Protein backbone atom coordinates (compact mmCIF):
# COMPACT_ATOMS: atom_id res chain seq x y z
CA LYS A 1 90.04 -246.49 82.96
CA LEU A 2 88.82 -243.62 80.85
CA MET A 3 87.95 -244.37 77.25
CA LYS A 4 86.45 -242.35 74.44
CA THR A 5 86.55 -242.67 70.67
CA THR A 6 85.45 -239.92 68.31
CA GLY A 7 84.35 -240.90 64.81
CA VAL A 8 84.00 -244.35 63.30
CA GLY A 9 85.99 -246.72 61.13
CA ALA A 10 89.13 -245.35 59.51
CA ASN A 11 88.33 -241.86 60.84
CA ALA A 12 88.12 -242.99 64.48
CA THR A 13 90.31 -241.14 66.99
CA LYS A 14 91.04 -242.78 70.34
CA HIS A 15 91.30 -240.13 73.05
CA ARG A 16 94.20 -239.83 75.50
CA PHE A 17 93.44 -238.72 79.07
CA VAL A 18 95.83 -237.41 81.72
CA CYS A 19 95.30 -237.09 85.47
CA ASN A 20 97.08 -235.49 88.45
CA GLN A 21 97.72 -232.10 86.85
CA GLY A 22 98.67 -233.77 83.55
CA GLU A 23 101.49 -235.86 85.04
CA ASP A 24 99.94 -239.33 84.75
CA ALA A 25 98.43 -240.98 81.70
CA CYS A 26 95.16 -242.51 82.84
CA THR A 27 93.77 -243.86 79.57
CA ASP A 28 95.27 -247.36 79.38
CA GLU A 29 96.28 -248.12 82.95
CA GLY A 30 93.48 -246.23 84.68
CA VAL A 31 94.12 -244.19 87.80
CA LEU A 32 93.99 -245.05 91.49
CA THR A 33 92.50 -242.53 93.88
CA TYR A 34 93.15 -243.09 97.55
CA LEU A 35 90.40 -242.06 99.93
CA SER A 36 90.21 -241.89 103.69
CA HIS A 37 87.54 -243.81 105.57
CA LEU A 38 84.12 -242.27 104.84
CA GLU A 39 85.61 -239.63 102.52
CA PHE A 40 83.16 -238.59 99.85
CA ASN A 41 83.28 -236.17 96.93
CA ALA A 42 87.07 -236.48 96.49
CA PRO A 43 87.90 -234.60 93.29
CA LEU A 44 89.62 -236.31 90.38
CA HIS A 45 90.86 -233.90 87.72
CA VAL A 46 91.00 -235.48 84.28
CA TYR A 47 92.03 -233.71 81.09
CA ASP A 48 91.52 -234.81 77.49
CA ASP A 49 95.01 -234.53 75.97
CA THR A 50 94.13 -236.02 72.58
CA SER A 51 95.82 -234.33 69.66
CA VAL A 52 95.30 -234.48 65.93
CA PRO A 53 97.74 -233.42 63.21
CA PHE A 54 97.36 -229.93 61.77
CA ARG A 55 99.22 -230.00 58.46
CA GLY A 56 100.03 -227.51 55.77
CA LYS A 57 102.63 -226.17 53.39
CA ILE A 58 104.10 -222.69 53.03
CA THR A 59 105.17 -221.50 49.60
CA VAL A 60 105.83 -218.17 47.94
CA GLY A 61 102.81 -217.16 45.87
CA GLY A 62 103.31 -216.60 42.16
CA THR A 63 106.54 -218.64 41.98
CA GLY A 64 105.08 -221.86 40.59
CA TYR A 65 107.08 -223.83 38.03
CA SER A 66 106.87 -227.26 36.40
CA GLY A 67 108.57 -229.01 39.37
CA SER A 68 106.37 -227.27 41.95
CA LEU A 69 103.08 -225.82 40.78
CA ASN A 70 102.41 -224.37 44.25
CA GLY A 71 105.58 -222.28 44.20
CA CYS A 72 108.91 -222.18 45.98
CA ALA A 73 108.83 -223.75 49.44
CA ILE A 74 109.89 -221.80 52.52
CA ASN A 75 112.26 -223.86 54.65
CA ALA A 76 112.60 -223.45 58.45
CA ALA A 77 109.74 -220.94 58.75
CA LYS A 78 108.25 -220.73 62.24
CA VAL A 79 104.57 -221.71 62.25
CA CYS A 80 102.42 -221.08 65.34
CA LEU A 81 98.76 -221.85 65.98
CA HIS A 82 97.03 -219.19 68.06
CA HIS A 83 93.85 -219.20 70.09
CA LYS A 84 92.16 -215.87 70.69
CA SER A 85 89.79 -215.93 73.65
CA THR A 86 86.47 -214.12 73.68
CA ARG A 87 88.19 -211.45 75.82
CA GLY A 88 90.74 -210.84 73.08
CA LYS A 89 93.66 -212.58 74.81
CA ASP A 90 95.96 -214.30 72.31
CA ASN A 91 97.45 -217.64 73.43
CA ILE A 92 99.96 -219.66 71.41
CA LEU A 93 98.82 -223.30 71.29
CA VAL A 94 101.81 -224.87 69.55
CA CYS A 95 104.72 -223.86 67.30
CA GLY A 96 106.97 -225.70 64.86
CA LYS A 97 109.15 -225.16 61.79
CA THR A 98 108.59 -226.03 58.17
CA SER A 99 110.70 -228.74 56.58
CA PHE A 100 112.78 -228.38 53.39
CA ASP A 101 109.66 -228.69 51.22
CA GLY A 102 107.73 -226.06 53.19
CA SER A 103 105.47 -228.55 54.94
CA TYR A 104 104.63 -228.57 58.63
CA ASN A 105 102.80 -231.01 60.90
CA LEU A 106 101.77 -229.73 64.33
CA PRO A 107 99.87 -231.65 67.03
CA ILE A 108 96.84 -229.72 68.23
CA VAL A 109 94.59 -230.78 71.09
CA ILE A 110 91.10 -231.72 69.91
CA GLY A 111 88.52 -229.01 70.42
CA PRO A 112 90.12 -225.66 69.51
CA VAL A 113 88.99 -223.76 66.45
CA VAL A 114 91.96 -222.39 64.49
CA ASN A 115 91.15 -218.97 63.04
CA SER A 116 94.61 -218.03 61.81
CA VAL A 117 98.08 -219.43 61.32
CA ASN A 118 101.00 -217.05 61.84
């Protein structure tokens, strides 16, 4: 079994691990690796697939009113989180759409630094 917890108390996050090219969850059940007689250094590829929510709200600036001080919400807007590598390559991590009130909630794998939201 693979176990890891980041943080403590109410802020604790239990990690989720996957094995075999991401096909098998190996956090709770563990993973079996079959070896031949006298086989050493057999690789086991494990990936941390833990995600945390990345939340926000998209509104039109300068349109605040008594019912919504932040402004008019934008419904069904596409929101994507991007990762730009040190070589300048832009990779999309995850995309989603805003709900009727302009809010979005995207799962992002722990570790990346989000520099911009498009």
